[in-house]
Protein backbone atom coordinates (compact mmCIF):
# COMPACT_ATOMS: atom_id res chain seq x y z
CA MET A 1 -35.82 2.91 12.53
CA THR A 2 -37.05 -0.70 12.53
CA VAL A 3 -34.94 -3.15 10.54
CA LYS A 4 -36.87 -6.04 9.03
CA ALA A 5 -35.55 -9.54 8.57
CA TYR A 6 -34.07 -10.00 5.11
CA GLU A 7 -33.28 -13.18 3.20
CA LYS A 8 -29.72 -13.15 1.88
CA PRO A 9 -29.19 -13.64 -1.87
CA ASP A 10 -27.39 -16.75 -3.07
CA ALA A 11 -24.59 -14.97 -4.96
CA PRO A 12 -23.75 -11.74 -3.15
CA GLU A 13 -21.44 -9.83 -5.48
CA LEU A 14 -20.98 -6.12 -6.04
CA ARG A 15 -19.75 -4.12 -9.03
CA ILE A 16 -17.38 -1.47 -7.66
CA SER A 17 -15.83 1.45 -9.50
CA HIS A 18 -13.63 2.63 -6.65
CA MET A 19 -13.02 2.39 -2.90
CA GLU A 20 -11.28 4.71 -0.43
CA PRO A 21 -10.52 3.08 2.95
CA HIS A 22 -9.97 6.41 4.76
CA THR A 23 -11.29 9.89 3.96
CA GLY A 24 -12.74 12.83 5.84
CA LEU A 25 -15.17 13.51 3.00
CA LEU A 26 -18.73 12.35 2.31
CA GLY A 27 -19.82 12.12 5.92
CA PRO A 28 -18.75 12.84 9.49
CA GLY A 29 -15.67 11.17 10.92
CA ASP A 30 -13.29 8.84 9.15
CA ARG A 31 -15.20 7.20 6.30
CA PHE A 32 -14.78 4.06 4.22
CA VAL A 33 -16.31 5.06 0.88
CA ILE A 34 -17.49 2.75 -1.89
CA TRP A 35 -18.50 4.04 -5.33
CA VAL A 36 -20.62 1.37 -6.97
CA HIS A 37 -20.66 0.90 -10.72
CA GLY A 38 -23.82 1.39 -12.75
CA CYS A 39 -26.39 4.18 -12.86
CA CYS A 40 -29.84 4.58 -14.40
CA PHE A 41 -29.59 8.39 -14.54
CA ASP A 42 -27.77 10.67 -16.97
CA CYS A 43 -27.47 13.95 -15.08
CA PRO A 44 -25.83 16.70 -17.17
CA GLY A 45 -22.66 17.89 -15.47
CA CYS A 46 -22.22 14.78 -13.33
CA LEU A 47 -18.55 14.35 -12.43
CA ALA A 48 -18.79 10.62 -11.77
CA HIS A 49 -19.56 9.60 -15.35
CA ASN A 50 -16.92 6.87 -15.18
CA THR A 51 -19.10 5.01 -12.66
CA ARG A 52 -21.47 4.45 -15.58
CA PHE A 53 -19.07 3.87 -18.45
CA GLY A 54 -15.67 3.17 -16.89
CA ALA A 55 -13.98 0.03 -15.66
CA TYR A 56 -15.11 -1.79 -12.53
CA GLU A 57 -14.19 -4.75 -10.38
CA THR A 58 -16.46 -7.41 -8.94
CA PHE A 59 -16.15 -8.22 -5.23
CA ASP A 60 -17.96 -10.70 -3.04
CA THR A 61 -19.46 -9.23 0.11
CA ASP A 62 -17.27 -11.32 2.43
CA THR A 63 -14.10 -9.79 0.96
CA LEU A 64 -15.47 -6.27 1.21
CA CYS A 65 -16.66 -6.89 4.76
CA GLU A 66 -13.14 -7.82 5.85
CA ARG A 67 -11.69 -4.67 4.30
CA ILE A 68 -14.25 -2.43 5.95
CA VAL A 69 -13.97 -4.01 9.39
CA GLU A 70 -10.17 -3.96 9.29
CA SER A 71 -10.13 -0.27 8.32
CA ARG A 72 -11.52 0.74 11.74
CA CYS A 73 -13.35 3.65 10.10
CA ASP A 74 -16.17 5.43 11.90
CA GLY A 75 -18.68 4.86 9.14
CA LEU A 76 -19.44 3.57 5.65
CA THR A 77 -20.54 5.83 2.79
CA LEU A 78 -22.06 4.44 -0.40
CA SER A 79 -22.11 6.51 -3.57
CA GLY A 80 -21.82 5.88 -7.25
CA GLY A 81 -23.19 5.24 -9.66
CA GLU A 82 -26.50 4.35 -8.06
CA PRO A 83 -26.24 2.23 -4.90
CA PHE A 84 -29.88 1.20 -4.88
CA LEU A 85 -29.45 -0.71 -8.14
CA GLN A 86 -27.44 -3.17 -6.02
CA ALA A 87 -29.63 -2.96 -2.94
CA ALA A 88 -29.72 -6.69 -2.10
CA ALA A 89 -25.95 -7.24 -2.17
CA LEU A 90 -25.28 -4.00 -0.29
CA ARG A 91 -27.75 -5.07 2.39
CA GLN A 92 -25.86 -8.30 2.84
CA LEU A 93 -22.57 -6.38 3.06
CA ILE A 94 -23.92 -4.02 5.73
CA ASP A 95 -25.42 -6.88 7.74
CA ALA A 96 -22.07 -8.69 7.66
CA VAL A 97 -20.17 -5.59 8.79
CA ARG A 98 -22.61 -4.88 11.61
CA ASP A 99 -22.32 -8.46 12.81
CA ARG A 100 -18.68 -7.61 13.51
CA ARG A 101 -18.84 -4.00 14.71
CA LYS A 102 -21.02 -0.91 14.99
CA MET A 103 -20.89 1.34 11.90
CA ASP A 104 -23.22 4.01 10.54
CA VAL A 105 -24.19 4.01 6.85
CA ILE A 106 -24.64 7.05 4.59
CA VAL A 107 -26.02 6.62 1.07
CA TYR A 108 -25.95 9.12 -1.80
CA SER A 109 -28.72 8.29 -4.28
CA GLY A 110 -30.21 9.83 -7.40
CA PHE A 111 -33.60 8.47 -6.36
CA THR A 112 -35.73 10.54 -4.01
CA LEU A 113 -36.85 9.09 -0.71
CA ALA A 114 -40.41 8.91 -2.04
CA GLU A 115 -39.25 6.90 -5.07
CA LEU A 116 -37.22 4.55 -2.91
CA SER A 117 -40.09 4.01 -0.49
CA ALA A 118 -42.47 3.16 -3.33
CA GLU A 119 -40.59 0.08 -4.62
CA ASP A 120 -39.93 -3.10 -2.68
CA ARG A 121 -36.68 -3.80 -4.55
CA PHE A 122 -35.05 -0.84 -2.80
CA ALA A 123 -36.22 -1.76 0.71
CA PRO A 124 -33.26 -4.01 1.69
CA LEU A 125 -30.79 -1.11 1.52
CA LEU A 126 -33.18 1.64 2.63
CA GLU A 127 -33.97 -0.26 5.85
CA VAL A 128 -30.34 -0.12 6.99
CA THR A 129 -29.48 3.39 5.79
CA ASP A 130 -28.85 5.89 8.59
CA ILE A 131 -28.48 9.04 6.49
CA LEU A 132 -29.77 9.39 2.92
CA ILE A 133 -28.81 12.22 0.56
CA ASP A 134 -31.36 11.94 -2.22
CA GLY A 135 -32.20 13.35 -5.64
CA ARG A 136 -30.63 13.77 -9.08
CA TYR A 137 -27.84 16.26 -9.58
CA VAL A 138 -29.20 19.36 -11.34
CA ARG A 139 -26.43 21.56 -12.71
CA GLU A 140 -28.63 24.68 -12.74
CA LEU A 141 -29.32 24.21 -9.01
CA ASP A 142 -25.69 23.78 -7.99
CA ASP A 143 -25.51 26.31 -5.14
CA GLY A 144 -22.04 25.53 -3.82
CA ARG A 145 -23.13 23.75 -0.63
CA PRO A 146 -20.37 21.64 0.91
CA TYR A 147 -20.67 17.88 0.30
CA ILE A 148 -23.93 18.15 -1.69
CA GLY A 149 -24.21 18.69 -5.44
CA SER A 150 -27.37 20.75 -5.94
CA SER A 151 -30.04 22.49 -3.87
CA ASN A 152 -32.82 20.02 -4.74
CA GLN A 153 -30.98 17.24 -2.89
CA VAL A 154 -32.13 16.63 0.68
CA VAL A 155 -30.38 15.10 3.70
CA HIS A 156 -32.73 12.63 5.44
CA TYR A 157 -31.83 11.42 8.94
CA LEU A 158 -33.50 8.02 8.85
CA ASN A 159 -31.77 7.05 12.09
CA PRO A 160 -32.36 9.83 14.68
CA ASP A 161 -29.20 8.81 16.55
CA CYS A 162 -27.15 10.00 13.57
CA ARG A 163 -28.77 13.42 13.33
CA PRO A 164 -26.43 15.38 15.68
CA ALA A 165 -23.22 14.36 13.92
CA GLY A 166 -24.88 14.58 10.51
CA GLU A 167 -26.26 18.06 11.07
CA ALA A 168 -22.92 19.27 12.40
CA TYR A 169 -21.28 17.98 9.22
CA TYR A 170 -23.83 18.95 6.57
CA THR A 171 -25.15 22.27 7.92
CA THR A 172 -22.10 24.04 9.37
CA GLY A 173 -21.44 25.87 6.11
CA GLY A 174 -17.90 26.48 4.93
CA HIS A 175 -16.39 25.66 1.58
CA ARG A 176 -16.50 22.61 -0.61
CA ARG A 177 -13.68 20.16 -0.08
CA ALA A 178 -12.23 17.52 -2.34
CA GLU A 179 -9.17 15.30 -2.34
CA ILE A 180 -6.89 14.30 -5.21
CA HIS A 181 -5.19 10.97 -4.58
CA PHE A 182 -2.23 9.79 -6.65
CA THR A 183 -0.83 6.36 -7.38
CA PRO A 184 1.99 5.48 -9.81
CA THR A 185 -0.59 4.90 -12.57
CA GLN A 186 -3.61 7.07 -11.83
CA ALA A 187 -5.03 10.19 -10.22
CA VAL A 188 -8.41 10.16 -8.43
CA LEU A 189 -10.61 13.14 -7.55
CA ILE A 190 -13.09 12.47 -4.75
CA GLY A 191 -15.63 14.67 -2.98
CA VAL A 192 -17.64 17.67 -4.17
CA PRO A 193 -14.99 20.03 -5.58
CA SER A 194 -14.99 23.83 -5.62
CA PRO A 195 -14.41 25.64 -8.94
CA ALA A 196 -10.79 26.24 -7.90
CA THR A 197 -10.23 22.53 -7.23
CA LEU A 198 -11.85 21.65 -10.56
CA ALA A 199 -9.47 24.03 -12.33
CA VAL A 200 -6.46 22.32 -10.72
CA TRP A 201 -7.92 18.92 -11.62
CA GLN A 202 -8.30 19.91 -15.28
CA GLN A 203 -4.64 20.97 -15.35
CA ILE A 204 -3.59 17.63 -13.85
CA LYS A 205 -5.55 15.72 -16.47
CA GLN A 206 -4.09 17.78 -19.31
CA LYS A 207 -0.48 17.36 -18.17
CA SER A 208 -0.57 13.77 -16.96
CA GLU A 209 -0.34 10.65 -19.12
CA GLY A 210 -1.89 8.38 -16.50
CA THR A 211 -5.47 7.35 -15.88
CA HIS A 212 -7.88 9.84 -14.31
CA HIS A 213 -11.05 9.17 -12.37
CA ASP A 214 -13.66 11.58 -11.02
CA PHE A 215 -15.65 10.50 -7.97
């Protein structure tokens, strides 16, 4: 995939709902995952509704770059929310990270690849995306595939070098996996949970007095 030159914005800041510096979910290897805040879709049944309506923090790309590089993760996964609504700032973040070290980039988007390719405003991020999982979540098409919400969503290997690891991760079958992370003040569900995991999560939310977030 050819990467075009891109002019950096003057004020590179990102609205972030949550970050996980190390997880085995949402892509092959050890991932640094960022859930951006803000979404233009309203998919019934979406678990990550708090990335539209919940709290968020604002980070400059230099600060995020340091965190990602220092994590020594194998790759970066962007989810949300809708990452392509912050395409310019995310492009600057990825460029800064790749100036320091090699890292693959996976993006989960509600837009389809055709929609992303049709608008210039999305090009900065699309040009540096290695693997794209595209399409809105459709509750009626939720077929239980690991790591992907519904059967209409497609895995696109935009960088052929990432296909072997990506296919091994996304097409080997198995069960859905999710992680529940706890801090003294909150519980966080990440990944694409199975019905059993969702049942446990609902019990946690009912019994706990802390803050709960679904990612």
